[in-house]
Amino acid sequence: MKNEIQKIWGINFLLTDQKDYLAYLENCLSSENRIILNGVNPYSLSLVKKNPEILDALKQSTIANVDGILLKFALQYLGYKVPVRLDTPSIFEGLMEICVKQKFSIFLLGSKEEELPIIIDNLKNSFKDLNIVGSHNGFFSAEDDHQIIENIKNCSPDIILLGMPSPKKEVFMYKNKDKFLFKASLGVGGVFDIIAGKKKQAPIWVKDLKIEWLYRFVQEPFRLFERYLDMFLYFFKFIWDSRETERKRNS
């Protein structure tokens, strides 16, 4: 596969389609190097102004995917060739299939404690022979990091899945990646909520129209209104401020 990694804002974006992305990922997993995978979307970039640490965390990504049609358009506006928007749930499913085939073990970090057994059961029903060696809820503070780290170390997973919101999942790996052994980590955000049945996954026709963000908003308008407003304002400013840097790159 042609290597299409582009460093944008210091982040290693793999600008390719799902098939080649997963082939590249599987090839990386066969090496001895650790892999940190992050989906980057308008919301995570909109957080940079209030929490600059998230950009440092995203810069540590081995590879990042363009998770959002708005980000795809923005990168194209800045002059990058982005073949597709590659959503994180699709990468998650592909990674689970790789884990079954390669017999990689998994640790789940995220969701509520009472929902984790449901998530584990549903994952094992969807991916036969999936080896889940441990889990911990995502409701903890930085003071609890040591306990979480010890839990992960005791379970010795190959793959760590972080089902927490941004910037918590990115910053957790940024600060603690050198404190335990693993092959790969993937921030999956709200995927755990979908697996637990708390939220509905967007239908195919919604994905085809590239309006998953609107589908989510319709499900939770009151919770998401202020978040979306802030997201659009800060994201567009982030892109606008990037123009001069990108103009110099292209000159």
C-alpha atoms as a PDB file:
ATOM      1  CA  MET A   1       0.000   0.000   0.000  1.00  0.00           C
ATOM      2  CA  LYS A   2       1.243   3.445  -0.822  1.00  0.00           C
ATOM      3  CA  ASN A   3       2.094   5.278   2.373  1.00  0.00           C
ATOM      4  CA  GLU A   4      -0.230   8.273   2.563  1.00  0.00           C
ATOM      5  CA  ILE A   5       0.752   9.556   6.006  1.00  0.00           C
ATOM      6  CA  GLN A   6       0.699  13.346   6.138  1.00  0.00           C
ATOM      7  CA  LYS A   7       1.804  15.361   9.151  1.00  0.00           C
ATOM      8  CA  ILE A   8      -0.839  18.077   9.599  1.00  0.00           C
ATOM      9  CA  TRP A   9      -0.722  20.292  12.717  1.00  0.00           C
ATOM     10  CA  GLY A  10       1.926  17.824  13.903  1.00  0.00           C
ATOM     11  CA  ILE A  11      -0.567  14.915  13.704  1.00  0.00           C
ATOM     12  CA  ASN A  12       0.178  11.811  11.594  1.00  0.00           C
ATOM     13  CA  PHE A  13      -2.915  11.468   9.428  1.00  0.00           C
ATOM     14  CA  LEU A  14      -3.198   8.344   7.294  1.00  0.00           C
ATOM     15  CA  LEU A  15      -5.107   9.662   4.296  1.00  0.00           C
ATOM     16  CA  THR A  16      -6.430   6.534   2.639  1.00  0.00           C
ATOM     17  CA  ASP A  17      -9.558   4.375   2.457  1.00  0.00           C
ATOM     18  CA  GLN A  18     -10.758   1.874   5.044  1.00  0.00           C
ATOM     19  CA  LYS A  19      -9.340  -1.214   3.335  1.00  0.00           C
ATOM     20  CA  ASP A  20      -5.824   0.201   3.046  1.00  0.00           C
ATOM     21  CA  TYR A  21      -6.005   1.749   6.520  1.00  0.00           C
ATOM     22  CA  LEU A  22      -6.761  -1.642   8.100  1.00  0.00           C
ATOM     23  CA  ALA A  23      -4.080  -3.342   5.978  1.00  0.00           C
ATOM     24  CA  TYR A  24      -1.559  -0.753   7.177  1.00  0.00           C
ATOM     25  CA  LEU A  25      -2.744  -1.235  10.767  1.00  0.00           C
ATOM     26  CA  GLU A  26      -2.447  -5.021  10.591  1.00  0.00           C
ATOM     27  CA  ASN A  27       1.052  -4.692   9.196  1.00  0.00           C
ATOM     28  CA  CYS A  28       2.002  -2.332  12.058  1.00  0.00           C
ATOM     29  CA  LEU A  29       0.614  -4.785  14.612  1.00  0.00           C
ATOM     30  CA  SER A  30       2.992  -7.465  13.331  1.00  0.00           C
ATOM     31  CA  SER A  31       5.958  -5.309  14.386  1.00  0.00           C
ATOM     32  CA  GLU A  32       7.360  -4.786  17.862  1.00  0.00           C
ATOM     33  CA  ASN A  33       6.463  -1.098  17.911  1.00  0.00           C
ATOM     34  CA  ARG A  34       3.541   0.251  19.920  1.00  0.00           C
ATOM     35  CA  ILE A  35       0.739   1.900  17.997  1.00  0.00           C
ATOM     36  CA  ILE A  36      -1.458   4.710  19.269  1.00  0.00           C
ATOM     37  CA  LEU A  37      -4.562   5.257  17.155  1.00  0.00           C
ATOM     38  CA  ASN A  38      -6.785   8.303  17.409  1.00  0.00           C
ATOM     39  CA  GLY A  39      -9.726   9.551  15.430  1.00  0.00           C
ATOM     40  CA  VAL A  40      -9.546  13.299  14.864  1.00  0.00           C
ATOM     41  CA  ASN A  41     -12.756  15.226  14.317  1.00  0.00           C
ATOM     42  CA  PRO A  42     -13.948  18.840  14.478  1.00  0.00           C
ATOM     43  CA  TYR A  43     -14.883  18.450  18.136  1.00  0.00           C
ATOM     44  CA  SER A  44     -11.435  17.267  19.267  1.00  0.00           C
ATOM     45  CA  LEU A  45      -9.765  20.112  17.350  1.00  0.00           C
ATOM     46  CA  SER A  46     -12.225  22.645  18.737  1.00  0.00           C
ATOM     47  CA  LEU A  47     -10.993  21.729  22.228  1.00  0.00           C
ATOM     48  CA  VAL A  48      -7.437  22.878  21.501  1.00  0.00           C
ATOM     49  CA  LYS A  49      -8.092  26.503  22.504  1.00  0.00           C
ATOM     50  CA  LYS A  50      -9.446  25.536  25.927  1.00  0.00           C
ATOM     51  CA  ASN A  51      -7.181  22.519  26.440  1.00  0.00           C
ATOM     52  CA  PRO A  52      -3.932  22.739  24.420  1.00  0.00           C
ATOM     53  CA  GLU A  53      -2.803  19.422  25.914  1.00  0.00           C
ATOM     54  CA  ILE A  54      -5.135  17.549  23.568  1.00  0.00           C
ATOM     55  CA  LEU A  55      -3.090  18.677  20.575  1.00  0.00           C
ATOM     56  CA  ASP A  56       0.066  17.359  22.253  1.00  0.00           C
ATOM     57  CA  ALA A  57      -1.785  14.093  22.840  1.00  0.00           C
ATOM     58  CA  LEU A  58      -2.950  13.856  19.229  1.00  0.00           C
ATOM     59  CA  LYS A  59       0.595  14.524  18.020  1.00  0.00           C
ATOM     60  CA  GLN A  60       1.699  11.295  19.721  1.00  0.00           C
ATOM     61  CA  SER A  61      -0.634   9.278  17.475  1.00  0.00           C
ATOM     62  CA  THR A  62       1.141   6.714  15.340  1.00  0.00           C
ATOM     63  CA  ILE A  63      -1.667   7.186  12.855  1.00  0.00           C
ATOM     64  CA  ALA A  64      -4.839   9.247  12.998  1.00  0.00           C
ATOM     65  CA  ASN A  65      -7.978   8.997  10.882  1.00  0.00           C
ATOM     66  CA  VAL A  66     -10.113  11.820   9.504  1.00  0.00           C
ATOM     67  CA  ASP A  67     -13.273  11.183  11.527  1.00  0.00           C
ATOM     68  CA  GLY A  68     -15.811  13.675  10.226  1.00  0.00           C
ATOM     69  CA  ILE A  69     -17.008  14.985   6.880  1.00  0.00           C
ATOM     70  CA  LEU A  70     -16.463  18.579   8.028  1.00  0.00           C
ATOM     71  CA  LEU A  71     -12.806  17.842   8.774  1.00  0.00           C
ATOM     72  CA  LYS A  72     -12.448  16.136   5.386  1.00  0.00           C
ATOM     73  CA  PHE A  73     -13.760  19.262   3.636  1.00  0.00           C
ATOM     74  CA  ALA A  74     -11.548  21.505   5.779  1.00  0.00           C
ATOM     75  CA  LEU A  75      -8.405  19.540   4.900  1.00  0.00           C
ATOM     76  CA  GLN A  76      -9.327  19.629   1.233  1.00  0.00           C
ATOM     77  CA  TYR A  77      -9.785  23.394   1.559  1.00  0.00           C
ATOM     78  CA  LEU A  78      -6.252  23.579   2.968  1.00  0.00           C
ATOM     79  CA  GLY A  79      -4.930  21.677  -0.043  1.00  0.00           C
ATOM     80  CA  TYR A  80      -4.722  18.069   1.130  1.00  0.00           C
ATOM     81  CA  LYS A  81      -5.981  15.082  -0.851  1.00  0.00           C
ATOM     82  CA  VAL A  82      -8.390  13.242   1.435  1.00  0.00           C
ATOM     83  CA  PRO A  83     -10.009  10.304  -0.385  1.00  0.00           C
ATOM     84  CA  VAL A  84     -12.623   9.483   2.267  1.00  0.00           C
ATOM     85  CA  ARG A  85     -13.803  10.365   5.716  1.00  0.00           C
ATOM     86  CA  LEU A  86     -12.935   7.319   7.808  1.00  0.00           C
ATOM     87  CA  ASP A  87     -15.144   6.991  10.888  1.00  0.00           C
ATOM     88  CA  THR A  88     -13.754   5.448  14.063  1.00  0.00           C
ATOM     89  CA  PRO A  89     -16.571   2.846  14.515  1.00  0.00           C
ATOM     90  CA  SER A  90     -15.538   1.302  11.181  1.00  0.00           C
ATOM     91  CA  ILE A  91     -11.893   1.152  12.285  1.00  0.00           C
ATOM     92  CA  PHE A  92     -13.018  -0.367  15.581  1.00  0.00           C
ATOM     93  CA  GLU A  93     -14.893  -3.160  13.799  1.00  0.00           C
ATOM     94  CA  GLY A  94     -11.931  -3.872  11.552  1.00  0.00           C
ATOM     95  CA  LEU A  95      -9.581  -3.935  14.525  1.00  0.00           C
ATOM     96  CA  MET A  96     -11.831  -6.410  16.339  1.00  0.00           C
ATOM     97  CA  GLU A  97     -11.687  -8.747  13.358  1.00  0.00           C
ATOM     98  CA  ILE A  98      -7.899  -8.472  13.353  1.00  0.00           C
ATOM     99  CA  CYS A  99      -7.851  -9.239  17.090  1.00  0.00           C
ATOM    100  CA  VAL A 100      -9.878 -12.418  16.593  1.00  0.00           C
ATOM    101  CA  LYS A 101      -7.681 -13.555  13.692  1.00  0.00           C
ATOM    102  CA  GLN A 102      -4.394 -12.744  15.453  1.00  0.00           C
ATOM    103  CA  LYS A 103      -5.642 -13.800  18.912  1.00  0.00           C
ATOM    104  CA  PHE A 104      -4.869 -10.419  20.453  1.00  0.00           C
ATOM    105  CA  SER A 105      -6.212  -9.755  23.949  1.00  0.00           C
ATOM    106  CA  ILE A 106      -8.264  -6.648  24.762  1.00  0.00           C
ATOM    107  CA  PHE A 107      -8.799  -4.301  27.694  1.00  0.00           C
ATOM    108  CA  LEU A 108     -11.839  -2.002  27.803  1.00  0.00           C
ATOM    109  CA  LEU A 109     -11.522   1.387  29.497  1.00  0.00           C
ATOM    110  CA  GLY A 110     -14.691   3.450  29.505  1.00  0.00           C
ATOM    111  CA  SER A 111     -18.463   3.532  30.018  1.00  0.00           C
ATOM    112  CA  LYS A 112     -20.254   2.957  33.342  1.00  0.00           C
ATOM    113  CA  GLU A 113     -19.338   0.007  35.543  1.00  0.00           C
ATOM    114  CA  GLU A 114     -22.820  -1.530  35.302  1.00  0.00           C
ATOM    115  CA  GLU A 115     -22.741  -1.314  31.498  1.00  0.00           C
ATOM    116  CA  LEU A 116     -19.421  -3.072  31.010  1.00  0.00           C
ATOM    117  CA  PRO A 117     -20.819  -6.643  31.346  1.00  0.00           C
ATOM    118  CA  ILE A 118     -23.383  -5.811  28.637  1.00  0.00           C
ATOM    119  CA  ILE A 119     -20.673  -4.395  26.371  1.00  0.00           C
ATOM    120  CA  ILE A 120     -18.453  -7.441  26.923  1.00  0.00           C
ATOM    121  CA  ASP A 121     -21.291  -9.883  26.193  1.00  0.00           C
ATOM    122  CA  ASN A 122     -22.356  -8.014  23.061  1.00  0.00           C
ATOM    123  CA  LEU A 123     -18.784  -7.835  21.797  1.00  0.00           C
ATOM    124  CA  LYS A 124     -18.278 -11.561  22.306  1.00  0.00           C
ATOM    125  CA  ASN A 125     -21.554 -12.248  20.521  1.00  0.00           C
ATOM    126  CA  SER A 126     -20.489 -10.091  17.579  1.00  0.00           C
ATOM    127  CA  PHE A 127     -16.879 -11.299  17.408  1.00  0.00           C
ATOM    128  CA  LYS A 128     -16.566 -14.977  18.224  1.00  0.00           C
ATOM    129  CA  ASP A 129     -13.488 -15.947  20.254  1.00  0.00           C
ATOM    130  CA  LEU A 130     -12.687 -12.325  21.098  1.00  0.00           C
ATOM    131  CA  ASN A 131     -10.380 -12.398  24.131  1.00  0.00           C
ATOM    132  CA  ILE A 132     -11.325  -9.639  26.605  1.00  0.00           C
ATOM    133  CA  VAL A 133      -8.955  -9.867  29.567  1.00  0.00           C
ATOM    134  CA  GLY A 134     -10.089  -6.898  31.630  1.00  0.00           C
ATOM    135  CA  SER A 135     -12.108  -3.717  31.912  1.00  0.00           C
ATOM    136  CA  HIS A 136     -12.594  -0.574  33.980  1.00  0.00           C
ATOM    137  CA  ASN A 137     -15.219   2.137  33.874  1.00  0.00           C
ATOM    138  CA  GLY A 138     -14.382   5.537  32.443  1.00  0.00           C
ATOM    139  CA  PHE A 139     -15.551   7.581  35.416  1.00  0.00           C
ATOM    140  CA  PHE A 140     -12.317   8.302  37.225  1.00  0.00           C
ATOM    141  CA  SER A 141     -10.119  11.292  37.967  1.00  0.00           C
ATOM    142  CA  ALA A 142      -6.412  11.785  37.355  1.00  0.00           C
ATOM    143  CA  GLU A 143      -5.819  10.767  40.975  1.00  0.00           C
ATOM    144  CA  ASP A 144      -7.084   7.281  40.053  1.00  0.00           C
ATOM    145  CA  ASP A 145      -4.671   6.826  37.152  1.00  0.00           C
ATOM    146  CA  HIS A 146      -2.276   4.705  39.225  1.00  0.00           C
ATOM    147  CA  GLN A 147      -5.030   2.194  40.041  1.00  0.00           C
ATOM    148  CA  ILE A 148      -6.091   1.986  36.394  1.00  0.00           C
ATOM    149  CA  ILE A 149      -2.485   1.530  35.283  1.00  0.00           C
ATOM    150  CA  GLU A 150      -1.957  -1.327  37.753  1.00  0.00           C
ATOM    151  CA  ASN A 151      -5.164  -2.955  36.541  1.00  0.00           C
ATOM    152  CA  ILE A 152      -3.999  -2.770  32.931  1.00  0.00           C
ATOM    153  CA  LYS A 153      -0.528  -4.072  33.839  1.00  0.00           C
ATOM    154  CA  ASN A 154      -2.020  -7.046  35.695  1.00  0.00           C
ATOM    155  CA  CYS A 155      -4.202  -7.925  32.694  1.00  0.00           C
ATOM    156  CA  SER A 156      -1.357  -7.557  30.144  1.00  0.00           C
ATOM    157  CA  PRO A 157      -3.608  -6.784  27.151  1.00  0.00           C
ATOM    158  CA  ASP A 158      -2.384  -6.459  23.593  1.00  0.00           C
ATOM    159  CA  ILE A 159      -5.021  -3.864  22.692  1.00  0.00           C
ATOM    160  CA  ILE A 160      -6.483  -1.078  24.857  1.00  0.00           C
ATOM    161  CA  LEU A 161      -9.820   0.436  23.821  1.00  0.00           C
ATOM    162  CA  LEU A 162     -10.671   3.809  25.358  1.00  0.00           C
ATOM    163  CA  GLY A 163     -14.402   4.493  25.293  1.00  0.00           C
ATOM    164  CA  MET A 164     -14.277   7.928  26.885  1.00  0.00           C
ATOM    165  CA  PRO A 165     -14.935  11.435  25.569  1.00  0.00           C
ATOM    166  CA  SER A 166     -12.289  13.846  24.354  1.00  0.00           C
ATOM    167  CA  PRO A 167      -9.963  15.052  25.729  1.00  0.00           C
ATOM    168  CA  LYS A 168      -9.954  12.447  28.500  1.00  0.00           C
ATOM    169  CA  LYS A 169      -9.097   9.428  26.371  1.00  0.00           C
ATOM    170  CA  GLU A 170      -6.330  11.154  24.420  1.00  0.00           C
ATOM    171  CA  VAL A 171      -4.741  12.751  27.486  1.00  0.00           C
ATOM    172  CA  PHE A 172      -4.844   9.493  29.481  1.00  0.00           C
ATOM    173  CA  MET A 173      -2.734   7.692  26.871  1.00  0.00           C
ATOM    174  CA  TYR A 174      -0.498  10.732  26.387  1.00  0.00           C
ATOM    175  CA  LYS A 175       0.415  10.800  30.068  1.00  0.00           C
ATOM    176  CA  ASN A 176       0.512   7.068  30.787  1.00  0.00           C
ATOM    177  CA  LYS A 177       1.585   5.261  27.601  1.00  0.00           C
ATOM    178  CA  ASP A 178       5.042   4.484  28.966  1.00  0.00           C
ATOM    179  CA  LYS A 179       3.754   2.964  32.198  1.00  0.00           C
ATOM    180  CA  PHE A 180       2.472  -0.362  30.795  1.00  0.00           C
ATOM    181  CA  LEU A 181       3.053  -2.683  27.850  1.00  0.00           C
ATOM    182  CA  PHE A 182       0.639  -2.957  24.925  1.00  0.00           C
ATOM    183  CA  LYS A 183       0.606  -3.403  21.173  1.00  0.00           C
ATOM    184  CA  ALA A 184      -1.988  -0.765  20.288  1.00  0.00           C
ATOM    185  CA  SER A 185      -4.513   1.613  21.772  1.00  0.00           C
ATOM    186  CA  LEU A 186      -7.575   3.031  20.056  1.00  0.00           C
ATOM    187  CA  GLY A 187      -9.796   5.853  21.289  1.00  0.00           C
ATOM    188  CA  VAL A 188     -13.304   4.732  20.387  1.00  0.00           C
ATOM    189  CA  GLY A 189     -15.323   7.499  22.056  1.00  0.00           C
ATOM    190  CA  GLY A 190     -19.046   6.725  21.989  1.00  0.00           C
ATOM    191  CA  VAL A 191     -18.716   3.266  20.409  1.00  0.00           C
ATOM    192  CA  PHE A 192     -19.224   1.645  23.819  1.00  0.00           C
ATOM    193  CA  ASP A 193     -22.569   3.452  24.181  1.00  0.00           C
ATOM    194  CA  ILE A 194     -23.706   1.995  20.850  1.00  0.00           C
ATOM    195  CA  ILE A 195     -22.601  -1.503  21.831  1.00  0.00           C
ATOM    196  CA  ALA A 196     -24.396  -1.158  25.195  1.00  0.00           C
ATOM    197  CA  GLY A 197     -27.589  -0.119  23.399  1.00  0.00           C
ATOM    198  CA  LYS A 198     -27.657   3.361  24.937  1.00  0.00           C
ATOM    199  CA  LYS A 199     -27.382   5.059  21.563  1.00  0.00           C
ATOM    200  CA  LYS A 200     -28.390   4.045  18.068  1.00  0.00           C
ATOM    201  CA  GLN A 201     -25.854   3.746  15.310  1.00  0.00           C
ATOM    202  CA  ALA A 202     -26.643   5.888  12.308  1.00  0.00           C
ATOM    203  CA  PRO A 203     -28.454   4.010   9.508  1.00  0.00           C
ATOM    204  CA  ILE A 204     -26.639   3.361   6.238  1.00  0.00           C
ATOM    205  CA  TRP A 205     -28.574   6.093   4.401  1.00  0.00           C
ATOM    206  CA  VAL A 206     -27.503   8.647   7.025  1.00  0.00           C
ATOM    207  CA  LYS A 207     -23.858   7.571   6.614  1.00  0.00           C
ATOM    208  CA  ASP A 208     -24.185   7.777   2.846  1.00  0.00           C
ATOM    209  CA  LEU A 209     -25.438  11.364   3.172  1.00  0.00           C
ATOM    210  CA  LYS A 210     -22.574  12.138   5.598  1.00  0.00           C
ATOM    211  CA  ILE A 211     -24.938  13.611   8.209  1.00  0.00           C
ATOM    212  CA  GLU A 212     -24.201  11.449  11.266  1.00  0.00           C
ATOM    213  CA  TRP A 213     -23.645  14.639  13.260  1.00  0.00           C
ATOM    214  CA  LEU A 214     -27.241  15.692  12.521  1.00  0.00           C
ATOM    215  CA  TYR A 215     -28.523  12.229  13.413  1.00  0.00           C
ATOM    216  CA  ARG A 216     -26.786  12.465  16.809  1.00  0.00           C
ATOM    217  CA  PHE A 217     -28.131  15.977  17.347  1.00  0.00           C
ATOM    218  CA  VAL A 218     -31.725  14.846  16.731  1.00  0.00           C
ATOM    219  CA  GLN A 219     -31.284  12.150  19.384  1.00  0.00           C
ATOM    220  CA  GLU A 220     -29.893  14.552  22.017  1.00  0.00           C
ATOM    221  CA  PRO A 221     -30.679  18.150  20.956  1.00  0.00           C
ATOM    222  CA  PHE A 222     -30.559  19.758  24.407  1.00  0.00           C
ATOM    223  CA  ARG A 223     -27.271  18.155  25.421  1.00  0.00           C
ATOM    224  CA  LEU A 224     -25.569  18.738  22.082  1.00  0.00           C
ATOM    225  CA  PHE A 225     -26.767  22.244  21.168  1.00  0.00           C
ATOM    226  CA  GLU A 226     -24.170  24.168  23.168  1.00  0.00           C
ATOM    227  CA  ARG A 227     -21.453  21.631  22.342  1.00  0.00           C
ATOM    228  CA  TYR A 228     -22.108  21.919  18.620  1.00  0.00           C
ATOM    229  CA  LEU A 229     -22.234  25.716  18.783  1.00  0.00           C
ATOM    230  CA  ASP A 230     -18.860  25.886  20.526  1.00  0.00           C
ATOM    231  CA  MET A 231     -17.482  23.204  18.223  1.00  0.00           C
ATOM    232  CA  PHE A 232     -18.352  25.047  15.028  1.00  0.00           C
ATOM    233  CA  LEU A 233     -17.037  28.388  16.314  1.00  0.00           C
ATOM    234  CA  TYR A 234     -13.705  27.053  17.596  1.00  0.00           C
ATOM    235  CA  PHE A 235     -13.195  24.572  14.763  1.00  0.00           C
ATOM    236  CA  PHE A 236     -13.679  27.163  12.036  1.00  0.00           C
ATOM    237  CA  LYS A 237     -11.311  29.524  13.883  1.00  0.00           C
ATOM    238  CA  PHE A 238      -8.764  26.704  14.140  1.00  0.00           C
ATOM    239  CA  ILE A 239      -8.957  26.096  10.393  1.00  0.00           C
ATOM    240  CA  TRP A 240      -8.892  29.831   9.599  1.00  0.00           C
ATOM    241  CA  ASP A 241      -5.784  30.314  11.732  1.00  0.00           C
ATOM    242  CA  SER A 242      -4.142  27.387   9.900  1.00  0.00           C
ATOM    243  CA  ARG A 243      -4.391  29.023   6.484  1.00  0.00           C
ATOM    244  CA  GLU A 244      -1.145  30.988   6.699  1.00  0.00           C
ATOM    245  CA  THR A 245       0.857  27.957   7.809  1.00  0.00           C
ATOM    246  CA  GLU A 246      -0.601  25.874   5.003  1.00  0.00           C
ATOM    247  CA  ARG A 247      -0.023  28.648   2.475  1.00  0.00           C
ATOM    248  CA  LYS A 248       3.697  28.608   3.371  1.00  0.00           C
ATOM    249  CA  ARG A 249       3.729  24.806   3.070  1.00  0.00           C
ATOM    250  CA  ASN A 250       2.277  24.967  -0.437  1.00  0.00           C
ATOM    251  CA  SER A 251       4.474  27.858  -1.620  1.00  0.00           C
END
